[in-house]
N, C-alpha and C. Protein backbone atom coordinates (compact mmCIF):
# COMPACT_ATOMS: atom_id res chain seq x y z
N MET A 1 154.16 197.73 202.25
CA MET A 1 153.45 197.15 203.38
C MET A 1 152.13 196.54 202.90
N ASP A 2 151.76 195.43 203.47
CA ASP A 2 150.52 194.74 203.12
C ASP A 2 149.38 195.32 203.96
N TYR A 3 148.64 196.25 203.40
CA TYR A 3 147.57 196.92 204.14
C TYR A 3 146.35 196.02 204.35
N LYS A 4 146.31 194.86 203.70
CA LYS A 4 145.20 193.93 203.90
C LYS A 4 145.14 193.46 205.34
N LYS A 5 146.28 193.45 206.03
CA LYS A 5 146.33 193.02 207.43
C LYS A 5 145.66 194.04 208.37
N PHE A 6 145.32 195.21 207.86
CA PHE A 6 144.66 196.24 208.66
C PHE A 6 143.15 196.31 208.39
N VAL A 7 142.67 195.46 207.50
CA VAL A 7 141.27 195.51 207.08
C VAL A 7 140.44 194.52 207.90
N PRO A 8 139.51 195.02 208.71
CA PRO A 8 138.65 194.10 209.46
C PRO A 8 137.69 193.36 208.52
N ASN A 9 137.18 192.24 208.97
CA ASN A 9 136.19 191.50 208.18
C ASN A 9 134.86 192.23 208.16
N GLU A 10 134.57 192.93 209.24
CA GLU A 10 133.31 193.67 209.33
C GLU A 10 133.49 194.83 210.30
N VAL A 11 132.60 195.81 210.21
CA VAL A 11 132.63 197.01 211.05
C VAL A 11 131.23 197.25 211.59
N TYR A 12 131.13 197.51 212.91
CA TYR A 12 129.85 197.82 213.55
C TYR A 12 130.03 198.98 214.52
N ARG A 13 128.94 199.65 214.82
CA ARG A 13 128.96 200.78 215.76
C ARG A 13 129.36 200.32 217.18
N SER A 14 128.84 199.18 217.62
CA SER A 14 129.16 198.67 218.96
C SER A 14 128.98 197.16 218.99
N VAL A 15 129.38 196.55 220.08
CA VAL A 15 129.20 195.10 220.22
C VAL A 15 127.72 194.74 220.20
N PHE A 16 126.86 195.67 220.55
CA PHE A 16 125.42 195.41 220.59
C PHE A 16 124.80 195.38 219.19
N ASP A 17 125.54 195.86 218.20
CA ASP A 17 125.05 195.90 216.82
C ASP A 17 125.55 194.73 215.96
N ILE A 18 126.49 193.97 216.49
CA ILE A 18 127.08 192.86 215.72
C ILE A 18 126.02 191.80 215.46
N ASP A 19 126.03 191.26 214.26
CA ASP A 19 125.11 190.19 213.88
C ASP A 19 125.71 188.85 214.33
N PHE A 20 125.56 188.54 215.60
CA PHE A 20 126.13 187.32 216.17
C PHE A 20 125.45 186.07 215.61
N LYS A 21 124.19 186.18 215.25
CA LYS A 21 123.49 185.04 214.66
C LYS A 21 124.18 184.63 213.35
N LYS A 22 124.51 185.63 212.53
CA LYS A 22 125.21 185.35 211.27
C LYS A 22 126.59 184.77 211.54
N LEU A 23 127.29 185.30 212.52
CA LEU A 23 128.60 184.77 212.85
C LEU A 23 128.50 183.30 213.25
N TYR A 24 127.48 182.98 214.04
CA TYR A 24 127.28 181.59 214.47
C TYR A 24 126.96 180.71 213.26
N GLU A 25 126.09 181.21 212.37
CA GLU A 25 125.76 180.47 211.15
C GLU A 25 126.99 180.26 210.27
N ASP A 26 127.93 181.19 210.33
CA ASP A 26 129.17 181.10 209.56
C ASP A 26 130.22 180.21 210.23
N GLY A 27 129.87 179.58 211.34
CA GLY A 27 130.77 178.64 212.00
C GLY A 27 131.59 179.19 213.14
N LYS A 28 131.37 180.44 213.50
CA LYS A 28 132.09 181.00 214.64
C LYS A 28 131.48 180.47 215.93
N ARG A 29 132.34 180.05 216.84
CA ARG A 29 131.89 179.51 218.13
C ARG A 29 132.58 180.19 219.31
N ILE A 30 133.68 180.86 219.00
CA ILE A 30 134.50 181.48 220.03
C ILE A 30 134.58 182.98 219.77
N ILE A 31 134.31 183.76 220.81
CA ILE A 31 134.49 185.22 220.75
C ILE A 31 135.71 185.56 221.58
N LEU A 32 136.70 186.16 220.95
CA LEU A 32 137.91 186.62 221.61
C LEU A 32 137.86 188.14 221.54
N THR A 33 137.52 188.76 222.66
CA THR A 33 137.24 190.19 222.62
C THR A 33 138.17 191.02 223.49
N ASP A 34 138.48 192.19 222.96
CA ASP A 34 139.16 193.22 223.72
C ASP A 34 138.19 193.73 224.78
N VAL A 35 138.70 194.40 225.80
CA VAL A 35 137.84 194.93 226.87
C VAL A 35 137.74 196.45 226.78
N ASP A 36 138.88 197.13 226.92
CA ASP A 36 138.90 198.59 227.02
C ASP A 36 138.45 199.27 225.73
N ASN A 37 137.39 200.04 225.87
CA ASN A 37 136.77 200.81 224.78
C ASN A 37 136.10 199.92 223.73
N THR A 38 136.03 198.63 224.01
CA THR A 38 135.28 197.69 223.18
C THR A 38 134.04 197.24 223.96
N LEU A 39 134.25 196.77 225.19
CA LEU A 39 133.14 196.34 226.06
C LEU A 39 132.79 197.39 227.10
N ILE A 40 133.81 198.05 227.64
CA ILE A 40 133.61 199.13 228.62
C ILE A 40 134.63 200.23 228.34
N SER A 41 134.36 201.43 228.83
CA SER A 41 135.33 202.51 228.67
C SER A 41 136.44 202.33 229.70
N TYR A 42 137.53 203.06 229.49
CA TYR A 42 138.67 202.97 230.41
C TYR A 42 138.31 203.40 231.83
N ASP A 43 137.30 204.24 231.99
CA ASP A 43 136.97 204.72 233.32
C ASP A 43 135.90 203.86 234.01
N GLU A 44 135.52 202.76 233.40
CA GLU A 44 134.59 201.81 234.02
C GLU A 44 135.37 200.59 234.50
N VAL A 45 134.83 199.92 235.50
CA VAL A 45 135.50 198.74 236.05
C VAL A 45 134.77 197.46 235.65
N GLY A 46 133.44 197.50 235.75
CA GLY A 46 132.66 196.30 235.48
C GLY A 46 131.70 196.49 234.33
N PRO A 47 131.08 195.40 233.91
CA PRO A 47 130.15 195.45 232.79
C PRO A 47 128.82 196.09 233.15
N SER A 48 128.20 196.71 232.15
CA SER A 48 126.86 197.28 232.34
C SER A 48 125.83 196.15 232.33
N GLU A 49 124.62 196.47 232.74
CA GLU A 49 123.53 195.48 232.69
C GLU A 49 123.27 195.06 231.25
N GLN A 50 123.33 196.02 230.32
CA GLN A 50 123.12 195.71 228.91
C GLN A 50 124.18 194.72 228.41
N LEU A 51 125.42 194.90 228.82
CA LEU A 51 126.49 194.00 228.42
C LEU A 51 126.29 192.62 229.05
N LEU A 52 125.85 192.57 230.29
CA LEU A 52 125.58 191.28 230.94
C LEU A 52 124.45 190.53 230.23
N MET A 53 123.45 191.27 229.77
CA MET A 53 122.35 190.65 229.03
C MET A 53 122.85 190.11 227.69
N LEU A 54 123.71 190.87 227.00
CA LEU A 54 124.28 190.39 225.75
C LEU A 54 125.12 189.13 226.00
N HIS A 55 125.89 189.16 227.06
CA HIS A 55 126.71 188.01 227.44
C HIS A 55 125.85 186.76 227.61
N GLN A 56 124.74 186.91 228.30
CA GLN A 56 123.83 185.77 228.52
C GLN A 56 123.25 185.27 227.20
N GLU A 57 122.87 186.21 226.35
CA GLU A 57 122.32 185.86 225.04
C GLU A 57 123.35 185.09 224.20
N LEU A 58 124.59 185.55 224.21
CA LEU A 58 125.64 184.89 223.43
C LEU A 58 125.95 183.50 223.98
N THR A 59 125.97 183.39 225.28
CA THR A 59 126.21 182.09 225.92
C THR A 59 125.08 181.13 225.57
N ASN A 60 123.85 181.62 225.59
CA ASN A 60 122.70 180.78 225.23
C ASN A 60 122.76 180.34 223.76
N MET A 61 123.34 181.18 222.90
CA MET A 61 123.49 180.83 221.48
C MET A 61 124.52 179.72 221.29
N GLY A 62 125.42 179.59 222.25
CA GLY A 62 126.46 178.57 222.14
C GLY A 62 127.87 179.11 222.02
N PHE A 63 128.03 180.43 222.11
CA PHE A 63 129.37 181.02 222.05
C PHE A 63 130.11 180.83 223.36
N LYS A 64 131.41 180.67 223.26
CA LYS A 64 132.30 180.73 224.42
C LYS A 64 133.07 182.03 224.28
N ILE A 65 133.21 182.75 225.38
CA ILE A 65 133.80 184.09 225.34
C ILE A 65 135.12 184.11 226.10
N TYR A 66 136.14 184.63 225.43
CA TYR A 66 137.46 184.84 226.02
C TYR A 66 137.82 186.31 225.87
N LEU A 67 138.67 186.79 226.76
CA LEU A 67 139.10 188.18 226.73
C LEU A 67 140.57 188.25 226.35
N ILE A 68 140.93 189.28 225.58
CA ILE A 68 142.33 189.54 225.27
C ILE A 68 142.54 191.04 225.41
N SER A 69 143.54 191.42 226.20
CA SER A 69 143.73 192.84 226.49
C SER A 69 145.20 193.15 226.70
N ASN A 70 145.56 194.36 226.35
CA ASN A 70 146.90 194.85 226.68
C ASN A 70 146.96 195.34 228.12
N ASN A 71 145.83 195.42 228.77
CA ASN A 71 145.77 195.88 230.15
C ASN A 71 146.26 194.77 231.08
N ASN A 72 146.38 195.10 232.36
CA ASN A 72 146.96 194.17 233.32
C ASN A 72 145.95 193.15 233.86
N ILE A 73 146.47 192.16 234.51
CA ILE A 73 145.66 191.05 235.01
C ILE A 73 144.64 191.52 236.05
N PHE A 74 145.00 192.53 236.85
CA PHE A 74 144.10 193.01 237.90
C PHE A 74 142.82 193.61 237.31
N ARG A 75 142.98 194.36 236.23
CA ARG A 75 141.79 194.94 235.56
C ARG A 75 140.91 193.83 234.99
N LEU A 76 141.50 192.85 234.36
CA LEU A 76 140.71 191.76 233.78
C LEU A 76 140.06 190.89 234.85
N GLU A 77 140.75 190.66 235.95
CA GLU A 77 140.15 189.89 237.04
C GLU A 77 138.95 190.63 237.62
N LYS A 78 139.09 191.93 237.83
CA LYS A 78 137.99 192.73 238.37
C LYS A 78 136.79 192.71 237.42
N PHE A 79 137.05 192.91 236.12
CA PHE A 79 135.98 192.88 235.13
C PHE A 79 135.31 191.50 235.09
N SER A 80 136.11 190.46 235.23
CA SER A 80 135.62 189.08 235.13
C SER A 80 134.81 188.63 236.34
N GLU A 81 134.81 189.42 237.41
CA GLU A 81 134.00 189.05 238.57
C GLU A 81 132.52 188.94 238.20
N LYS A 82 132.07 189.81 237.29
CA LYS A 82 130.68 189.78 236.84
C LYS A 82 130.53 189.28 235.42
N PHE A 83 131.53 189.54 234.58
CA PHE A 83 131.48 189.12 233.18
C PHE A 83 132.22 187.78 233.09
N ILE A 84 131.52 186.71 233.36
CA ILE A 84 132.13 185.38 233.40
C ILE A 84 132.58 185.01 231.99
N ASN A 85 133.80 184.51 231.90
CA ASN A 85 134.35 184.12 230.60
C ASN A 85 135.12 182.83 230.75
N GLU A 86 135.50 182.28 229.62
CA GLU A 86 136.21 180.99 229.60
C GLU A 86 137.68 181.15 229.99
N GLY A 87 138.18 182.36 229.88
CA GLY A 87 139.57 182.65 230.20
C GLY A 87 139.98 183.97 229.59
N PHE A 88 141.16 184.44 229.98
CA PHE A 88 141.63 185.71 229.42
C PHE A 88 143.13 185.74 229.29
N ILE A 89 143.55 186.61 228.39
CA ILE A 89 144.97 186.90 228.18
C ILE A 89 145.16 188.37 228.54
N ALA A 90 145.89 188.62 229.62
CA ALA A 90 146.22 189.98 230.03
C ALA A 90 147.60 190.32 229.49
N SER A 91 147.92 191.60 229.44
CA SER A 91 149.22 192.06 228.94
C SER A 91 149.58 191.36 227.63
N ALA A 92 148.62 191.33 226.71
CA ALA A 92 148.76 190.59 225.45
C ALA A 92 149.79 191.20 224.50
N ARG A 93 150.07 192.45 224.67
CA ARG A 93 151.03 193.17 223.82
C ARG A 93 150.62 193.17 222.35
N LYS A 94 149.31 193.34 222.14
CA LYS A 94 148.80 193.45 220.77
C LYS A 94 149.43 194.68 220.12
N PRO A 95 149.84 194.62 218.91
CA PRO A 95 149.52 193.69 217.84
C PRO A 95 150.51 192.53 217.69
N LEU A 96 151.44 192.36 218.63
CA LEU A 96 152.37 191.24 218.51
C LEU A 96 151.59 189.93 218.51
N LYS A 97 152.13 188.95 217.85
CA LYS A 97 151.45 187.67 217.70
C LYS A 97 151.39 186.87 219.00
N ARG A 98 152.32 187.10 219.91
CA ARG A 98 152.44 186.20 221.07
C ARG A 98 151.17 186.15 221.93
N GLY A 99 150.49 187.27 222.13
CA GLY A 99 149.25 187.26 222.90
C GLY A 99 148.15 186.48 222.20
N PHE A 100 148.07 186.65 220.90
CA PHE A 100 147.08 185.90 220.12
C PHE A 100 147.42 184.41 220.10
N LYS A 101 148.72 184.08 220.02
CA LYS A 101 149.12 182.67 220.06
C LYS A 101 148.77 182.04 221.41
N ARG A 102 148.98 182.80 222.49
CA ARG A 102 148.61 182.29 223.82
C ARG A 102 147.10 182.06 223.88
N ALA A 103 146.34 182.97 223.29
CA ALA A 103 144.88 182.83 223.29
C ALA A 103 144.45 181.60 222.48
N ILE A 104 145.03 181.43 221.31
CA ILE A 104 144.68 180.29 220.46
C ILE A 104 145.02 178.98 221.18
N LYS A 105 146.15 178.96 221.87
CA LYS A 105 146.53 177.76 222.63
C LYS A 105 145.54 177.51 223.77
N LEU A 106 145.15 178.56 224.46
CA LEU A 106 144.18 178.44 225.56
C LEU A 106 142.83 177.96 225.04
N ILE A 107 142.39 178.51 223.94
CA ILE A 107 141.08 178.18 223.36
C ILE A 107 141.08 176.75 222.81
N ASN A 108 142.19 176.37 222.15
CA ASN A 108 142.35 175.02 221.63
C ASN A 108 141.23 174.61 220.66
N ARG A 109 140.92 175.53 219.75
CA ARG A 109 139.93 175.29 218.69
C ARG A 109 140.50 175.84 217.39
N PRO A 110 139.99 175.40 216.25
CA PRO A 110 140.51 175.92 214.97
C PRO A 110 140.28 177.42 214.83
N ALA A 111 141.22 178.09 214.18
CA ALA A 111 141.13 179.54 213.97
C ALA A 111 139.84 179.93 213.27
N GLU A 112 139.32 179.07 212.41
CA GLU A 112 138.09 179.37 211.67
C GLU A 112 136.88 179.55 212.59
N GLU A 113 136.95 179.02 213.80
CA GLU A 113 135.83 179.13 214.75
C GLU A 113 135.92 180.38 215.62
N ILE A 114 137.01 181.13 215.51
CA ILE A 114 137.27 182.27 216.39
C ILE A 114 136.99 183.58 215.66
N ILE A 115 136.29 184.49 216.35
CA ILE A 115 136.12 185.85 215.87
C ILE A 115 136.67 186.80 216.94
N VAL A 116 137.52 187.71 216.52
CA VAL A 116 138.09 188.71 217.42
C VAL A 116 137.25 189.97 217.30
N ILE A 117 137.01 190.63 218.43
CA ILE A 117 136.28 191.90 218.44
C ILE A 117 137.16 192.94 219.14
N GLY A 118 137.32 194.10 218.49
CA GLY A 118 138.13 195.15 219.09
C GLY A 118 137.82 196.50 218.50
N ASP A 119 138.37 197.54 219.12
CA ASP A 119 138.09 198.92 218.70
C ASP A 119 139.27 199.60 218.02
N GLN A 120 140.41 198.92 217.90
CA GLN A 120 141.58 199.56 217.31
C GLN A 120 142.10 198.79 216.09
N ILE A 121 142.33 199.51 215.04
CA ILE A 121 142.91 198.91 213.84
C ILE A 121 144.36 198.52 214.09
N MET A 122 145.10 199.38 214.78
CA MET A 122 146.54 199.17 214.96
C MET A 122 146.87 198.01 215.89
N THR A 123 145.99 197.67 216.81
CA THR A 123 146.29 196.58 217.75
C THR A 123 145.39 195.37 217.51
N ASP A 124 144.09 195.57 217.61
CA ASP A 124 143.14 194.45 217.52
C ASP A 124 143.07 193.86 216.11
N VAL A 125 142.84 194.71 215.12
CA VAL A 125 142.68 194.21 213.76
C VAL A 125 144.01 193.67 213.23
N TYR A 126 145.04 194.47 213.32
CA TYR A 126 146.34 194.07 212.79
C TYR A 126 146.86 192.80 213.48
N GLY A 127 146.76 192.75 214.79
CA GLY A 127 147.22 191.58 215.53
C GLY A 127 146.44 190.33 215.18
N ALA A 128 145.12 190.46 215.08
CA ALA A 128 144.28 189.31 214.74
C ALA A 128 144.59 188.82 213.34
N LYS A 129 144.65 189.73 212.39
CA LYS A 129 144.91 189.35 210.99
C LYS A 129 146.28 188.69 210.84
N ARG A 130 147.28 189.22 211.52
CA ARG A 130 148.63 188.63 211.46
C ARG A 130 148.63 187.22 212.04
N SER A 131 147.68 186.94 212.92
CA SER A 131 147.59 185.64 213.58
C SER A 131 146.61 184.70 212.87
N GLY A 132 146.07 185.14 211.73
CA GLY A 132 145.19 184.28 210.95
C GLY A 132 143.76 184.22 211.45
N LEU A 133 143.33 185.27 212.17
CA LEU A 133 141.99 185.29 212.75
C LEU A 133 141.11 186.34 212.08
N ASP A 134 139.83 186.06 211.98
CA ASP A 134 138.86 187.04 211.51
C ASP A 134 138.59 188.03 212.63
N VAL A 135 138.22 189.26 212.24
CA VAL A 135 138.07 190.31 213.25
C VAL A 135 136.96 191.28 212.87
N VAL A 136 136.23 191.72 213.89
CA VAL A 136 135.20 192.74 213.78
C VAL A 136 135.71 193.99 214.49
N LEU A 137 135.64 195.12 213.81
CA LEU A 137 136.01 196.41 214.38
C LEU A 137 134.75 197.12 214.86
N VAL A 138 134.80 197.64 216.09
CA VAL A 138 133.70 198.45 216.62
C VAL A 138 134.22 199.84 216.96
N LYS A 139 133.30 200.78 217.02
CA LYS A 139 133.64 202.15 217.39
C LYS A 139 134.07 202.19 218.86
N PRO A 140 135.14 202.92 219.17
CA PRO A 140 135.54 203.06 220.57
C PRO A 140 134.41 203.68 221.40
N ILE A 141 134.24 203.18 222.59
CA ILE A 141 133.14 203.64 223.45
C ILE A 141 133.33 205.09 223.89
N LYS A 142 134.52 205.43 224.37
CA LYS A 142 134.75 206.76 224.93
C LYS A 142 136.23 207.14 224.75
N LYS A 143 136.52 207.78 223.63
CA LYS A 143 137.91 208.10 223.30
C LYS A 143 138.55 209.08 224.28
N SER A 144 137.75 209.90 224.93
CA SER A 144 138.30 210.91 225.83
C SER A 144 139.01 210.30 227.04
N THR A 145 138.78 209.04 227.34
CA THR A 145 139.43 208.39 228.49
C THR A 145 140.65 207.56 228.10
N GLU A 146 141.00 207.58 226.81
CA GLU A 146 142.10 206.75 226.34
C GLU A 146 143.45 207.24 226.86
N LYS A 147 144.36 206.31 227.02
CA LYS A 147 145.72 206.61 227.46
C LYS A 147 146.49 207.26 226.30
N TRP A 148 147.61 207.87 226.61
CA TRP A 148 148.40 208.58 225.60
C TRP A 148 148.84 207.66 224.47
N TYR A 149 149.20 206.42 224.80
CA TYR A 149 149.70 205.51 223.76
C TYR A 149 148.58 205.06 222.82
N THR A 150 147.35 205.00 223.33
CA THR A 150 146.22 204.68 222.46
C THR A 150 145.95 205.86 221.52
N ARG A 151 146.06 207.05 222.05
CA ARG A 151 145.88 208.24 221.21
C ARG A 151 146.96 208.31 220.12
N PHE A 152 148.16 207.89 220.47
CA PHE A 152 149.24 207.81 219.49
C PHE A 152 148.86 206.80 218.40
N ASN A 153 148.35 205.66 218.80
CA ASN A 153 147.90 204.65 217.83
C ASN A 153 146.79 205.19 216.94
N ARG A 154 145.90 205.98 217.50
CA ARG A 154 144.79 206.54 216.71
C ARG A 154 145.32 207.46 215.61
N TYR A 155 146.39 208.19 215.91
CA TYR A 155 147.00 209.04 214.89
C TYR A 155 147.42 208.19 213.69
N TRP A 156 148.14 207.10 213.95
CA TRP A 156 148.60 206.22 212.87
C TRP A 156 147.44 205.47 212.23
N GLU A 157 146.44 205.16 213.03
CA GLU A 157 145.25 204.50 212.52
C GLU A 157 144.60 205.34 211.42
N ASN A 158 144.52 206.64 211.63
CA ASN A 158 143.91 207.53 210.62
C ASN A 158 144.69 207.49 209.31
N LYS A 159 146.00 207.36 209.39
CA LYS A 159 146.82 207.25 208.18
C LYS A 159 146.57 205.91 207.48
N ILE A 160 146.44 204.86 208.26
CA ILE A 160 146.19 203.51 207.70
C ILE A 160 144.83 203.46 207.02
N VAL A 161 143.83 204.10 207.61
CA VAL A 161 142.48 204.09 207.04
C VAL A 161 142.51 204.59 205.59
N LYS A 162 143.32 205.59 205.32
CA LYS A 162 143.42 206.11 203.95
C LYS A 162 143.95 205.04 202.99
N LYS A 163 144.84 204.19 203.48
CA LYS A 163 145.39 203.10 202.65
C LYS A 163 144.35 201.99 202.45
N ILE A 164 143.49 201.79 203.45
CA ILE A 164 142.45 200.76 203.35
C ILE A 164 141.53 201.04 202.18
N LYS A 165 141.36 202.31 201.85
CA LYS A 165 140.51 202.69 200.72
C LYS A 165 140.94 201.99 199.44
N LYS A 166 142.25 201.82 199.26
CA LYS A 166 142.77 201.17 198.06
C LYS A 166 142.61 199.65 198.10
N VAL A 167 142.48 199.10 199.28
CA VAL A 167 142.42 197.65 199.46
C VAL A 167 140.98 197.14 199.49
N ASN A 168 140.09 197.88 200.19
CA ASN A 168 138.70 197.43 200.34
C ASN A 168 137.81 198.65 200.55
N ILE A 169 137.23 199.14 199.49
CA ILE A 169 136.44 200.37 199.53
C ILE A 169 135.20 200.24 200.41
N ASP A 170 134.58 199.06 200.45
CA ASP A 170 133.38 198.86 201.27
C ASP A 170 133.70 199.00 202.76
N ILE A 171 134.76 198.34 203.20
CA ILE A 171 135.17 198.44 204.61
C ILE A 171 135.63 199.86 204.91
N TYR A 172 136.36 200.46 203.98
CA TYR A 172 136.80 201.85 204.15
C TYR A 172 135.59 202.76 204.41
N ASN A 173 134.56 202.64 203.60
CA ASN A 173 133.36 203.47 203.76
C ASN A 173 132.69 203.23 205.11
N LYS A 174 132.66 201.99 205.56
CA LYS A 174 132.07 201.69 206.88
C LYS A 174 132.88 202.34 208.00
N ILE A 175 134.21 202.28 207.88
CA ILE A 175 135.07 202.90 208.90
C ILE A 175 134.87 204.41 208.90
N ILE A 176 134.84 205.02 207.73
CA ILE A 176 134.64 206.47 207.64
C ILE A 176 133.29 206.86 208.23
N ASN A 177 132.24 206.12 207.90
CA ASN A 177 130.92 206.40 208.47
C ASN A 177 130.93 206.29 210.00
N LEU A 178 131.67 205.33 210.51
CA LEU A 178 131.81 205.16 211.95
C LEU A 178 132.51 206.36 212.56
N LYS A 179 133.61 206.79 211.94
CA LYS A 179 134.36 207.93 212.46
C LYS A 179 133.57 209.23 212.36
N GLU A 180 132.84 209.42 211.29
CA GLU A 180 132.05 210.65 211.12
C GLU A 180 130.91 210.73 212.11
N GLY A 181 130.42 209.58 212.52
CA GLY A 181 129.34 209.53 213.51
C GLY A 181 129.87 209.49 214.92
N ASN A 182 131.15 209.78 215.09
CA ASN A 182 131.80 209.67 216.40
C ASN A 182 131.43 210.85 217.28
N ASP A 183 130.40 210.68 218.08
CA ASP A 183 129.86 211.77 218.89
C ASP A 183 130.37 211.77 220.33
N ASN A 184 131.31 210.88 220.66
CA ASN A 184 131.77 210.82 222.05
C ASN A 184 133.27 210.99 222.17
N ASP A 185 133.88 211.76 221.29
CA ASP A 185 135.34 211.94 221.35
C ASP A 185 135.75 212.80 222.51
């Protein structure tokens, strides 16, 4: 198996820690982000004030924001009432390529301009990499609210992380530091 497809381009504690200025300088113009446990926890419906402020800052920088989620359209519509975005892909079935292909078609910009943000190696990172997109991994916001299938993915994710060590030791160390600092499980 090609474990390089599981290696994110970068790892951060949260979306608030990402160096968006550097991403913009590197030519990224589109943010394609997961919602659940990336922007809000599963038990939240709408964005926090801090997230709305980040959204405004990113929009002012020139980013266009799209959402991609395995969750249903109703959850994304409710979230989007306050978190205005350019569009979204619900029921994306990540890590399958079809949701990412739908997003790329909707965005209609070169893959080099897109950065994916997500909290899961098994869905967000793997799906983005298989689709030719760069991806940033963030720490899950609140693992205790995750559904059973996400917890199942986390089990396999831990096995994959051990393989990442052989592929990219720097990213491996960042992921391990993130997991060791996981105070909200």
